[in-house]
Amino acid sequence: SIVFQVGVLSGAAFHFFTSFATTNEEIIFATVLTLFTGGISPGYRSFLPRMVPKEQTARLLTCVSLIISLCPILSSLVFNNLYNWSLDFWPGLAFFVGGVFQIVAFMGQILIHVLRRPQWILAEQLRGQLLIEDEDDSPDSEERR
């Protein structure tokens, strides 16, 4: 969840920096931020399967793959027209809108993180109890007593 949050937040920062950039150096600095967006895909791959039962994981990842495949087509339609429309008064408007979308996704992920945190803590406690019980049931534990 945190890897995904860092990736989306850096993507939003890239879009906001690019939308207000006036020089090439500012744009190059903004592209450095995109290095952290590489964490979005691994974050999804590890986070999403934990939100559904094991038998639904393949369906969920297939759905996410379809969304990832269709989004560039739809976004190019929207953002190319937005860029052409705003070119006369603010060429960075399309980047600003992209940054706003990513901030919305970031806020949604924070909400999910906050709501799921008690479940993760409980799961970690149960996992720890199971490990302690397994150690007590092992043959080596009798020899130690």
Protein backbone atom coordinates (compact mmCIF):
# COMPACT_ATOMS: atom_id res chain seq x y z
CA SER A 1 0.00 0.00 0.00
CA ILE A 2 2.79 2.41 0.88
CA VAL A 3 4.75 1.56 -2.28
CA PHE A 4 1.65 2.34 -4.33
CA GLN A 5 1.09 5.59 -2.41
CA VAL A 6 4.65 6.76 -3.03
CA GLY A 7 4.34 5.95 -6.72
CA VAL A 8 1.06 7.78 -7.21
CA LEU A 9 2.18 10.77 -5.16
CA SER A 10 5.37 11.12 -7.19
CA GLY A 11 3.33 10.83 -10.39
CA ALA A 12 1.05 13.61 -9.18
CA ALA A 13 4.07 15.75 -8.26
CA PHE A 14 5.47 15.15 -11.76
CA HIS A 15 2.24 16.30 -13.35
CA PHE A 16 1.98 19.41 -11.16
CA PHE A 17 5.62 20.39 -11.76
CA THR A 18 5.19 19.86 -15.49
CA SER A 19 1.97 21.88 -15.59
CA PHE A 20 3.73 24.94 -14.13
CA ALA A 21 7.14 24.44 -15.78
CA THR A 22 8.48 27.32 -17.85
CA THR A 23 11.97 26.02 -18.67
CA ASN A 24 13.47 22.79 -19.91
CA GLU A 25 15.38 22.36 -16.66
CA GLU A 26 12.15 22.32 -14.68
CA ILE A 27 10.72 19.64 -16.96
CA ILE A 28 13.88 17.53 -16.64
CA PHE A 29 13.72 17.87 -12.85
CA ALA A 30 10.09 16.75 -12.96
CA THR A 31 10.99 13.63 -14.94
CA VAL A 32 13.28 12.52 -12.10
CA LEU A 33 10.13 12.15 -10.00
CA THR A 34 8.80 9.54 -12.42
CA LEU A 35 11.43 7.07 -11.19
CA PHE A 36 9.28 6.47 -8.13
CA THR A 37 6.17 5.77 -10.19
CA GLY A 38 7.71 2.40 -11.00
CA GLY A 39 6.41 1.24 -7.63
CA ILE A 40 2.78 1.46 -8.72
CA SER A 41 2.65 -1.83 -10.61
CA PRO A 42 4.44 -3.97 -7.98
CA GLY A 43 2.34 -2.27 -5.34
CA TYR A 44 -0.82 -3.30 -7.15
CA ARG A 45 0.43 -6.82 -7.74
CA SER A 46 1.09 -7.38 -4.04
CA PHE A 47 -1.77 -5.32 -2.59
CA LEU A 48 -4.81 -6.30 -4.67
CA PRO A 49 -4.67 -10.09 -4.20
CA ARG A 50 -4.91 -9.58 -0.44
CA MET A 51 -8.25 -7.82 -0.82
CA VAL A 52 -10.09 -10.78 -2.37
CA PRO A 53 -10.30 -14.53 -1.72
CA LYS A 54 -7.62 -16.65 -3.41
CA GLU A 55 -10.06 -18.04 -5.99
CA GLN A 56 -10.89 -14.47 -7.14
CA THR A 57 -7.30 -13.28 -7.59
CA ALA A 58 -7.06 -14.24 -11.27
CA ARG A 59 -10.32 -12.46 -12.08
CA LEU A 60 -9.22 -9.34 -10.22
CA LEU A 61 -5.83 -9.17 -11.93
CA THR A 62 -7.49 -9.77 -15.31
CA CYS A 63 -9.86 -6.89 -14.64
CA VAL A 64 -6.95 -4.63 -13.63
CA SER A 65 -5.04 -5.64 -16.78
CA LEU A 66 -8.03 -4.71 -18.94
CA ILE A 67 -8.29 -1.35 -17.20
CA ILE A 68 -4.56 -0.74 -17.67
CA SER A 69 -4.91 -1.61 -21.36
CA LEU A 70 -7.93 0.62 -21.98
CA CYS A 71 -6.90 3.66 -19.94
CA PRO A 72 -4.20 4.94 -22.35
CA ILE A 73 -6.72 4.89 -25.20
CA LEU A 74 -9.31 6.82 -23.22
CA SER A 75 -6.82 9.20 -21.63
CA SER A 76 -5.25 10.09 -24.97
CA LEU A 77 -8.69 10.96 -26.31
CA VAL A 78 -9.47 13.19 -23.31
CA PHE A 79 -6.07 14.74 -22.66
CA ASN A 80 -5.14 15.40 -26.31
CA ASN A 81 -8.38 17.33 -26.79
CA LEU A 82 -7.88 19.14 -23.47
CA TYR A 83 -4.32 20.08 -24.46
CA ASN A 84 -5.42 21.38 -27.87
CA TRP A 85 -8.24 23.38 -26.27
CA SER A 86 -6.04 24.94 -23.57
CA LEU A 87 -2.92 25.53 -25.67
CA ASP A 88 -3.63 29.24 -26.11
CA PHE A 89 -4.09 30.12 -22.44
CA TRP A 90 -2.36 27.35 -20.39
CA PRO A 91 -0.51 24.51 -22.13
CA GLY A 92 -0.02 22.76 -18.78
CA LEU A 93 -3.72 22.37 -18.03
CA ALA A 94 -3.80 18.75 -19.23
CA PHE A 95 -0.90 17.92 -16.89
CA PHE A 96 -2.62 19.72 -14.02
CA VAL A 97 -5.82 17.71 -14.54
CA GLY A 98 -3.75 14.50 -14.66
CA GLY A 99 -2.16 15.48 -11.34
CA VAL A 100 -5.58 16.11 -9.81
CA PHE A 101 -6.71 12.63 -10.90
CA GLN A 102 -3.63 11.12 -9.30
CA ILE A 103 -4.19 13.04 -6.06
CA VAL A 104 -7.74 11.63 -5.97
CA ALA A 105 -6.28 8.12 -6.40
CA PHE A 106 -3.72 8.87 -3.68
CA MET A 107 -6.42 10.00 -1.25
CA GLY A 108 -8.46 6.88 -2.03
CA GLN A 109 -5.45 4.70 -1.31
CA ILE A 110 -4.83 6.47 1.98
CA LEU A 111 -8.46 5.85 2.93
CA ILE A 112 -8.11 2.16 2.07
CA HIS A 113 -4.87 1.99 4.02
CA VAL A 114 -6.46 3.54 7.12
CA LEU A 115 -9.51 1.27 6.91
CA ARG A 116 -7.47 -1.89 6.36
CA ARG A 117 -4.78 -1.20 8.97
CA PRO A 118 -6.70 -2.75 11.91
CA GLN A 119 -7.21 -5.91 9.86
CA TRP A 120 -3.52 -6.09 9.02
CA ILE A 121 -2.56 -5.66 12.68
CA LEU A 122 -4.98 -8.42 13.72
CA ALA A 123 -3.65 -10.73 11.00
CA GLU A 124 -0.08 -10.09 12.16
CA GLN A 125 -1.03 -10.90 15.77
CA LEU A 126 -2.73 -14.13 14.69
CA ARG A 127 0.28 -15.07 12.61
CA GLY A 128 2.51 -14.50 15.63
CA GLN A 129 0.29 -16.66 17.84
CA LEU A 130 0.34 -19.46 15.28
CA LEU A 131 4.13 -19.34 15.17
CA ILE A 132 4.33 -19.53 18.97
CA GLU A 133 1.91 -22.47 19.03
CA ASP A 134 3.88 -24.24 16.29
CA GLU A 135 7.09 -23.84 18.31
CA ASP A 136 5.39 -25.29 21.40
CA ASP A 137 4.14 -28.32 19.43
CA SER A 138 7.47 -29.13 17.80
CA PRO A 139 9.49 -32.13 19.07
CA ASP A 140 12.46 -29.88 19.80
CA SER A 141 10.45 -27.90 22.34
CA GLU A 142 10.07 -31.02 24.53
CA GLU A 143 13.83 -31.54 24.57
CA ARG A 144 14.33 -27.93 25.69
CA ARG A 145 12.04 -28.40 28.70
